[in-house]
Amino acid sequence: MKNKEKKHLASQFPNIYRIITESNLVKKIRKSWIRLSNQPRLKEFFLILSAILVFAIISVLTVGIVIFSLSFYKNYTMYQKLFGKRQNLQNQINFWESVWQKYPGYKDAYFRAAILEYQLSDFQKAQDYNQKALMLDPNFENAIKLEDVLNKK
């Protein structure tokens, strides 16, 4: 019965025979071998390419950080210098304030304070101090010149 079933099944399906020659088989094997043999090379290539890319990104970031750090250091030192100058001017103003508190009629103390406030760019205070110096001596030439400069601001 097994033979009858085989014959019955064989009659249901067409007999299509495909001949694969040795040369076609060899070509297919070589093609698959080339594909298989290139995969490790491609993996190695992409690994090297990704390593180069990571190195380039790290290098760019490092250079950027160094440039930012140098710029920040330069700006910070400039800030410290300006802050020191500003603090020095403020100390001098405090000194002249103490002088005119002891000697209220001393016009030069008001004038010096006006000049220092002008250097600090506080023009309103500079004008107030200069007005006090001019009230004490209306003919004070330097105070008149400073008043002209302050009026132009």
N, C-alpha and C. Protein backbone atom coordinates (compact mmCIF):
# COMPACT_ATOMS: atom_id res chain seq x y z
N MET A 1 0.81 -1.18 0.00
CA MET A 1 0.00 0.00 0.00
C MET A 1 0.86 1.26 0.00
N LYS A 2 1.95 1.07 0.46
CA LYS A 2 2.83 2.23 0.48
C LYS A 2 3.24 2.60 -0.93
N ASN A 3 3.47 1.64 -1.74
CA ASN A 3 3.86 1.95 -3.12
C ASN A 3 2.73 2.61 -3.86
N LYS A 4 1.50 2.15 -3.59
CA LYS A 4 0.34 2.73 -4.25
C LYS A 4 0.16 4.19 -3.83
N GLU A 5 0.39 4.47 -2.57
CA GLU A 5 0.28 5.85 -2.09
C GLU A 5 1.35 6.73 -2.72
N LYS A 6 2.52 6.19 -2.86
CA LYS A 6 3.60 6.96 -3.46
C LYS A 6 3.27 7.27 -4.91
N LYS A 7 2.75 6.26 -5.62
CA LYS A 7 2.41 6.48 -7.02
C LYS A 7 1.27 7.48 -7.13
N HIS A 8 0.31 7.37 -6.22
CA HIS A 8 -0.82 8.28 -6.24
C HIS A 8 -0.35 9.72 -5.98
N LEU A 9 0.52 9.91 -5.02
CA LEU A 9 1.05 11.23 -4.71
C LEU A 9 1.89 11.74 -5.87
N ALA A 10 2.67 10.87 -6.47
CA ALA A 10 3.52 11.27 -7.57
C ALA A 10 2.68 11.69 -8.76
N SER A 11 1.54 11.08 -8.95
CA SER A 11 0.71 11.46 -10.07
C SER A 11 0.02 12.79 -9.83
N GLN A 12 -0.18 13.17 -8.59
CA GLN A 12 -0.83 14.45 -8.29
C GLN A 12 0.10 15.64 -8.56
N PHE A 13 1.36 15.48 -8.35
CA PHE A 13 2.31 16.57 -8.50
C PHE A 13 3.09 16.39 -9.78
N PRO A 14 3.34 17.47 -10.47
CA PRO A 14 4.09 17.34 -11.72
C PRO A 14 5.53 16.98 -11.45
N ASN A 15 6.12 16.35 -12.39
CA ASN A 15 7.53 15.98 -12.28
C ASN A 15 8.37 17.11 -12.88
N ILE A 16 8.91 17.92 -12.01
CA ILE A 16 9.79 19.00 -12.46
C ILE A 16 11.15 18.70 -11.85
N TYR A 17 12.07 18.50 -12.73
CA TYR A 17 13.42 18.23 -12.27
C TYR A 17 14.29 19.43 -12.63
N ARG A 18 15.05 19.80 -11.73
CA ARG A 18 15.93 20.93 -11.95
C ARG A 18 17.35 20.42 -11.82
N ILE A 19 18.12 20.68 -12.80
CA ILE A 19 19.49 20.20 -12.77
C ILE A 19 20.39 21.37 -12.37
N ILE A 20 21.11 21.15 -11.35
CA ILE A 20 22.07 22.15 -10.89
C ILE A 20 23.43 21.62 -11.27
N THR A 21 24.05 22.34 -12.14
CA THR A 21 25.38 21.89 -12.55
C THR A 21 26.38 22.25 -11.49
N GLU A 22 27.49 21.65 -11.62
CA GLU A 22 28.53 21.86 -10.61
C GLU A 22 29.04 23.30 -10.65
N SER A 23 29.12 23.85 -11.83
CA SER A 23 29.61 25.22 -11.92
C SER A 23 28.64 26.20 -11.26
N ASN A 24 27.33 26.00 -11.43
CA ASN A 24 26.35 26.87 -10.75
C ASN A 24 26.44 26.70 -9.24
N LEU A 25 26.61 25.49 -8.82
CA LEU A 25 26.74 25.22 -7.39
C LEU A 25 27.98 25.90 -6.83
N VAL A 26 29.07 25.81 -7.54
CA VAL A 26 30.31 26.44 -7.09
C VAL A 26 30.14 27.96 -7.04
N LYS A 27 29.47 28.55 -8.04
CA LYS A 27 29.25 29.99 -8.04
C LYS A 27 28.42 30.42 -6.83
N LYS A 28 27.35 29.64 -6.55
CA LYS A 28 26.50 29.98 -5.40
C LYS A 28 27.27 29.87 -4.09
N ILE A 29 28.09 28.85 -3.99
CA ILE A 29 28.89 28.68 -2.77
C ILE A 29 29.87 29.83 -2.64
N ARG A 30 30.53 30.21 -3.74
CA ARG A 30 31.48 31.31 -3.69
C ARG A 30 30.79 32.62 -3.31
N LYS A 31 29.60 32.88 -3.90
CA LYS A 31 28.86 34.10 -3.56
C LYS A 31 28.51 34.13 -2.07
N SER A 32 27.99 33.03 -1.57
CA SER A 32 27.65 33.00 -0.15
C SER A 32 28.90 33.10 0.71
N TRP A 33 30.00 32.51 0.26
CA TRP A 33 31.25 32.58 1.01
C TRP A 33 31.76 34.02 1.04
N ILE A 34 31.63 34.72 -0.12
CA ILE A 34 32.07 36.11 -0.17
C ILE A 34 31.23 36.95 0.78
N ARG A 35 29.91 36.75 0.78
CA ARG A 35 29.06 37.48 1.70
C ARG A 35 29.42 37.18 3.14
N LEU A 36 29.63 35.92 3.43
CA LEU A 36 29.99 35.55 4.79
C LEU A 36 31.37 36.06 5.17
N SER A 37 32.29 36.01 4.22
CA SER A 37 33.65 36.44 4.55
C SER A 37 33.74 37.95 4.66
N ASN A 38 32.85 38.71 4.00
CA ASN A 38 32.87 40.17 4.09
C ASN A 38 32.22 40.68 5.36
N GLN A 39 31.38 39.94 6.00
CA GLN A 39 30.70 40.41 7.21
C GLN A 39 31.67 40.75 8.33
N PRO A 40 32.64 39.94 8.62
CA PRO A 40 33.59 40.36 9.67
C PRO A 40 34.37 41.60 9.27
N ARG A 41 34.67 41.72 7.99
CA ARG A 41 35.39 42.92 7.53
C ARG A 41 34.50 44.15 7.67
N LEU A 42 33.23 44.00 7.33
CA LEU A 42 32.31 45.12 7.50
C LEU A 42 32.15 45.49 8.96
N LYS A 43 32.04 44.48 9.80
CA LYS A 43 31.94 44.76 11.23
C LYS A 43 33.19 45.47 11.72
N GLU A 44 34.34 45.02 11.27
CA GLU A 44 35.60 45.65 11.66
C GLU A 44 35.67 47.08 11.14
N PHE A 45 35.22 47.29 9.89
CA PHE A 45 35.21 48.61 9.30
C PHE A 45 34.30 49.55 10.09
N PHE A 46 33.09 49.11 10.41
CA PHE A 46 32.17 49.95 11.17
C PHE A 46 32.65 50.17 12.60
N LEU A 47 33.34 49.21 13.15
CA LEU A 47 33.91 49.39 14.48
C LEU A 47 35.00 50.45 14.45
N ILE A 48 35.86 50.38 13.45
CA ILE A 48 36.92 51.38 13.32
C ILE A 48 36.32 52.75 13.02
N LEU A 49 35.32 52.79 12.13
CA LEU A 49 34.67 54.05 11.80
C LEU A 49 34.00 54.67 13.02
N SER A 50 33.32 53.86 13.81
CA SER A 50 32.67 54.40 15.02
C SER A 50 33.71 54.85 16.04
N ALA A 51 34.83 54.15 16.14
CA ALA A 51 35.89 54.58 17.06
C ALA A 51 36.47 55.92 16.63
N ILE A 52 36.68 56.09 15.32
CA ILE A 52 37.20 57.36 14.82
C ILE A 52 36.19 58.48 15.07
N LEU A 53 34.92 58.18 14.85
CA LEU A 53 33.87 59.17 15.09
C LEU A 53 33.80 59.57 16.56
N VAL A 54 33.86 58.62 17.45
CA VAL A 54 33.84 58.91 18.89
C VAL A 54 35.08 59.73 19.28
N PHE A 55 36.24 59.37 18.73
CA PHE A 55 37.46 60.12 19.02
C PHE A 55 37.34 61.55 18.53
N ALA A 56 36.77 61.73 17.33
CA ALA A 56 36.61 63.08 16.79
C ALA A 56 35.66 63.91 17.66
N ILE A 57 34.56 63.31 18.08
CA ILE A 57 33.61 64.03 18.94
C ILE A 57 34.25 64.40 20.27
N ILE A 58 34.97 63.48 20.86
CA ILE A 58 35.64 63.76 22.14
C ILE A 58 36.68 64.85 21.96
N SER A 59 37.41 64.82 20.84
CA SER A 59 38.42 65.85 20.58
C SER A 59 37.78 67.22 20.44
N VAL A 60 36.70 67.30 19.68
CA VAL A 60 36.01 68.58 19.49
C VAL A 60 35.48 69.10 20.83
N LEU A 61 34.89 68.23 21.61
CA LEU A 61 34.38 68.65 22.92
C LEU A 61 35.51 69.11 23.84
N THR A 62 36.63 68.40 23.81
CA THR A 62 37.77 68.78 24.66
C THR A 62 38.30 70.15 24.26
N VAL A 63 38.47 70.37 22.94
CA VAL A 63 38.94 71.67 22.48
C VAL A 63 37.94 72.76 22.86
N GLY A 64 36.65 72.47 22.72
CA GLY A 64 35.64 73.45 23.11
C GLY A 64 35.69 73.79 24.59
N ILE A 65 35.88 72.77 25.41
CA ILE A 65 35.97 73.00 26.86
C ILE A 65 37.20 73.82 27.20
N VAL A 66 38.32 73.54 26.54
CA VAL A 66 39.55 74.30 26.80
C VAL A 66 39.37 75.76 26.39
N ILE A 67 38.79 75.98 25.21
CA ILE A 67 38.57 77.36 24.75
C ILE A 67 37.62 78.09 25.70
N PHE A 68 36.53 77.43 26.10
CA PHE A 68 35.58 78.05 27.04
C PHE A 68 36.27 78.36 28.36
N SER A 69 37.09 77.44 28.86
CA SER A 69 37.77 77.65 30.14
C SER A 69 38.72 78.84 30.07
N LEU A 70 39.47 78.93 28.97
CA LEU A 70 40.40 80.07 28.83
C LEU A 70 39.64 81.38 28.73
N SER A 71 38.55 81.40 28.00
CA SER A 71 37.74 82.60 27.89
C SER A 71 37.14 82.98 29.24
N PHE A 72 36.64 81.98 29.96
CA PHE A 72 36.07 82.24 31.27
C PHE A 72 37.14 82.79 32.22
N TYR A 73 38.34 82.20 32.20
CA TYR A 73 39.43 82.67 33.06
C TYR A 73 39.79 84.11 32.73
N LYS A 74 39.87 84.43 31.43
CA LYS A 74 40.20 85.80 31.02
C LYS A 74 39.14 86.77 31.51
N ASN A 75 37.87 86.42 31.32
CA ASN A 75 36.78 87.30 31.77
C ASN A 75 36.75 87.43 33.29
N TYR A 76 37.04 86.34 33.99
CA TYR A 76 37.03 86.37 35.45
C TYR A 76 38.14 87.27 35.98
N THR A 77 39.34 87.18 35.39
CA THR A 77 40.43 88.05 35.85
C THR A 77 40.12 89.51 35.54
N MET A 78 39.48 89.76 34.38
CA MET A 78 39.09 91.13 34.06
C MET A 78 38.05 91.63 35.06
N TYR A 79 37.10 90.76 35.42
CA TYR A 79 36.09 91.13 36.41
C TYR A 79 36.75 91.46 37.75
N GLN A 80 37.73 90.65 38.14
CA GLN A 80 38.41 90.91 39.42
C GLN A 80 39.13 92.25 39.39
N LYS A 81 39.77 92.57 38.27
CA LYS A 81 40.45 93.85 38.16
C LYS A 81 39.46 95.01 38.28
N LEU A 82 38.36 94.90 37.52
CA LEU A 82 37.36 95.97 37.56
C LEU A 82 36.72 96.09 38.93
N PHE A 83 36.45 94.95 39.56
CA PHE A 83 35.87 94.98 40.89
C PHE A 83 36.83 95.62 41.88
N GLY A 84 38.13 95.30 41.74
CA GLY A 84 39.14 95.91 42.61
C GLY A 84 39.22 97.42 42.41
N LYS A 85 39.18 97.87 41.16
CA LYS A 85 39.22 99.31 40.89
C LYS A 85 37.98 99.99 41.46
N ARG A 86 36.82 99.35 41.25
CA ARG A 86 35.57 99.92 41.76
C ARG A 86 35.60 100.01 43.29
N GLN A 87 36.11 98.97 43.91
CA GLN A 87 36.21 98.95 45.38
C GLN A 87 37.17 100.04 45.86
N ASN A 88 38.26 100.24 45.13
CA ASN A 88 39.22 101.28 45.48
C ASN A 88 38.58 102.67 45.37
N LEU A 89 37.84 102.89 44.28
CA LEU A 89 37.15 104.18 44.13
C LEU A 89 36.13 104.41 45.24
N GLN A 90 35.41 103.35 45.60
CA GLN A 90 34.41 103.47 46.67
C GLN A 90 35.09 103.79 48.00
N ASN A 91 36.24 103.18 48.25
CA ASN A 91 36.98 103.48 49.49
C ASN A 91 37.43 104.93 49.52
N GLN A 92 37.87 105.44 48.36
CA GLN A 92 38.28 106.84 48.30
C GLN A 92 37.09 107.77 48.53
N ILE A 93 35.93 107.43 47.99
CA ILE A 93 34.72 108.23 48.23
C ILE A 93 34.39 108.25 49.71
N ASN A 94 34.47 107.08 50.34
CA ASN A 94 34.20 107.00 51.79
C ASN A 94 35.18 107.89 52.57
N PHE A 95 36.44 107.91 52.13
CA PHE A 95 37.43 108.76 52.80
C PHE A 95 37.03 110.24 52.68
N TRP A 96 36.67 110.69 51.47
CA TRP A 96 36.31 112.09 51.29
C TRP A 96 35.01 112.45 52.00
N GLU A 97 34.10 111.47 52.13
CA GLU A 97 32.89 111.73 52.92
C GLU A 97 33.24 111.96 54.38
N SER A 98 34.18 111.16 54.88
CA SER A 98 34.59 111.36 56.28
C SER A 98 35.29 112.71 56.45
N VAL A 99 36.02 113.15 55.42
CA VAL A 99 36.70 114.45 55.50
C VAL A 99 35.68 115.58 55.56
N TRP A 100 34.65 115.57 54.69
CA TRP A 100 33.70 116.69 54.72
C TRP A 100 32.78 116.62 55.91
N GLN A 101 32.67 115.44 56.56
CA GLN A 101 31.89 115.40 57.80
C GLN A 101 32.66 116.09 58.92
N LYS A 102 34.00 115.95 58.90
CA LYS A 102 34.81 116.65 59.90
C LYS A 102 34.93 118.14 59.57
N TYR A 103 35.11 118.43 58.29
CA TYR A 103 35.31 119.81 57.84
C TYR A 103 34.25 120.13 56.78
N PRO A 104 33.06 120.56 57.20
CA PRO A 104 31.96 120.76 56.25
C PRO A 104 32.22 121.87 55.22
N GLY A 105 33.11 122.74 55.44
CA GLY A 105 33.37 123.84 54.50
C GLY A 105 34.50 123.54 53.54
N TYR A 106 35.00 122.31 53.50
CA TYR A 106 36.14 121.96 52.65
C TYR A 106 35.62 121.56 51.27
N LYS A 107 35.73 122.49 50.30
CA LYS A 107 35.17 122.29 48.97
C LYS A 107 35.88 121.19 48.19
N ASP A 108 37.16 121.00 48.39
CA ASP A 108 37.91 119.99 47.65
C ASP A 108 37.43 118.58 47.96
N ALA A 109 36.93 118.33 49.16
CA ALA A 109 36.42 117.00 49.50
C ALA A 109 35.20 116.67 48.65
N TYR A 110 34.30 117.66 48.49
CA TYR A 110 33.12 117.44 47.64
C TYR A 110 33.52 117.27 46.17
N PHE A 111 34.47 118.07 45.75
CA PHE A 111 34.92 118.01 44.36
C PHE A 111 35.58 116.65 44.07
N ARG A 112 36.44 116.19 44.96
CA ARG A 112 37.09 114.88 44.77
C ARG A 112 36.05 113.75 44.74
N ALA A 113 35.07 113.84 45.63
CA ALA A 113 34.01 112.82 45.64
C ALA A 113 33.21 112.87 44.33
N ALA A 114 32.99 114.08 43.80
CA ALA A 114 32.27 114.22 42.54
C ALA A 114 33.05 113.56 41.40
N ILE A 115 34.35 113.76 41.36
CA ILE A 115 35.18 113.15 40.33
C ILE A 115 35.15 111.62 40.45
N LEU A 116 35.25 111.12 41.67
CA LEU A 116 35.23 109.66 41.87
C LEU A 116 33.88 109.06 41.47
N GLU A 117 32.79 109.75 41.78
CA GLU A 117 31.46 109.27 41.37
C GLU A 117 31.33 109.31 39.85
N TYR A 118 31.93 110.31 39.23
CA TYR A 118 31.93 110.38 37.77
C TYR A 118 32.67 109.18 37.18
N GLN A 119 33.78 108.81 37.78
CA GLN A 119 34.53 107.63 37.32
C GLN A 119 33.73 106.34 37.52
N LEU A 120 32.88 106.33 38.52
CA LEU A 120 32.02 105.16 38.74
C LEU A 120 30.75 105.20 37.88
N SER A 121 30.62 106.25 37.08
CA SER A 121 29.46 106.44 36.18
C SER A 121 28.16 106.71 36.93
N ASP A 122 28.27 107.22 38.14
CA ASP A 122 27.08 107.66 38.88
C ASP A 122 27.02 109.18 38.73
N PHE A 123 26.45 109.62 37.61
CA PHE A 123 26.48 111.03 37.25
C PHE A 123 25.60 111.89 38.14
N GLN A 124 24.53 111.33 38.66
CA GLN A 124 23.64 112.11 39.53
C GLN A 124 24.34 112.47 40.84
N LYS A 125 25.00 111.48 41.46
CA LYS A 125 25.74 111.77 42.69
C LYS A 125 26.90 112.73 42.41
N ALA A 126 27.56 112.53 41.27
CA ALA A 126 28.67 113.43 40.91
C ALA A 126 28.17 114.87 40.79
N GLN A 127 27.02 115.03 40.18
CA GLN A 127 26.46 116.37 40.04
C GLN A 127 26.06 116.95 41.40
N ASP A 128 25.51 116.11 42.28
CA ASP A 128 25.14 116.59 43.63
C ASP A 128 26.38 117.05 44.40
N TYR A 129 27.43 116.25 44.38
CA TYR A 129 28.66 116.63 45.10
C TYR A 129 29.29 117.88 44.49
N ASN A 130 29.25 117.97 43.17
CA ASN A 130 29.82 119.14 42.51
C ASN A 130 29.02 120.40 42.85
N GLN A 131 27.71 120.26 42.95
CA GLN A 131 26.87 121.40 43.33
C GLN A 131 27.23 121.89 44.73
N LYS A 132 27.51 120.94 45.65
CA LYS A 132 27.90 121.33 47.01
C LYS A 132 29.23 122.06 46.99
N ALA A 133 30.16 121.60 46.13
CA ALA A 133 31.46 122.30 46.03
C ALA A 133 31.26 123.70 45.47
N LEU A 134 30.37 123.85 44.48
CA LEU A 134 30.10 125.17 43.90
C LEU A 134 29.34 126.07 44.87
N MET A 135 28.53 125.47 45.74
CA MET A 135 27.85 126.29 46.75
C MET A 135 28.86 126.87 47.73
N LEU A 136 29.91 126.09 48.05
CA LEU A 136 30.93 126.60 48.97
C LEU A 136 31.83 127.64 48.29
N ASP A 137 32.09 127.44 46.99
CA ASP A 137 32.93 128.39 46.24
C ASP A 137 32.39 128.49 44.82
N PRO A 138 31.58 129.48 44.53
CA PRO A 138 30.99 129.60 43.18
C PRO A 138 32.03 129.87 42.09
N ASN A 139 33.22 130.30 42.43
CA ASN A 139 34.27 130.60 41.44
C ASN A 139 35.29 129.46 41.30
N PHE A 140 34.97 128.29 41.81
CA PHE A 140 35.88 127.14 41.78
C PHE A 140 35.95 126.63 40.33
N GLU A 141 37.07 126.92 39.64
CA GLU A 141 37.20 126.67 38.20
C GLU A 141 37.04 125.18 37.83
N ASN A 142 37.68 124.32 38.58
CA ASN A 142 37.59 122.89 38.26
C ASN A 142 36.16 122.37 38.41
N ALA A 143 35.45 122.87 39.42
CA ALA A 143 34.07 122.44 39.62
C ALA A 143 33.18 122.97 38.49
N ILE A 144 33.47 124.17 37.98
CA ILE A 144 32.70 124.72 36.85
C ILE A 144 32.93 123.86 35.60
N LYS A 145 34.18 123.47 35.37
CA LYS A 145 34.48 122.60 34.21
C LYS A 145 33.78 121.25 34.34
N LEU A 146 33.80 120.69 35.55
CA LEU A 146 33.14 119.40 35.77
C LEU A 146 31.63 119.53 35.57
N GLU A 147 31.07 120.67 35.98
CA GLU A 147 29.64 120.86 35.79
C GLU A 147 29.28 120.90 34.30
N ASP A 148 30.13 121.52 33.50
CA ASP A 148 29.90 121.55 32.05
C ASP A 148 29.93 120.13 31.47
N VAL A 149 30.86 119.35 31.93
CA VAL A 149 30.97 117.95 31.44
C VAL A 149 29.75 117.15 31.87
N LEU A 150 29.33 117.34 33.12
CA LEU A 150 28.17 116.60 33.61
C LEU A 150 26.88 117.01 32.93
N ASN A 151 26.76 118.28 32.56
CA ASN A 151 25.55 118.73 31.88
C ASN A 151 25.46 118.14 30.47
N LYS A 152 26.60 117.82 29.86
CA LYS A 152 26.59 117.20 28.54
C LYS A 152 26.18 115.74 28.61
N LYS A 153 26.31 115.12 29.77
CA LYS A 153 25.94 113.70 29.93
C LYS A 153 24.49 113.62 30.05
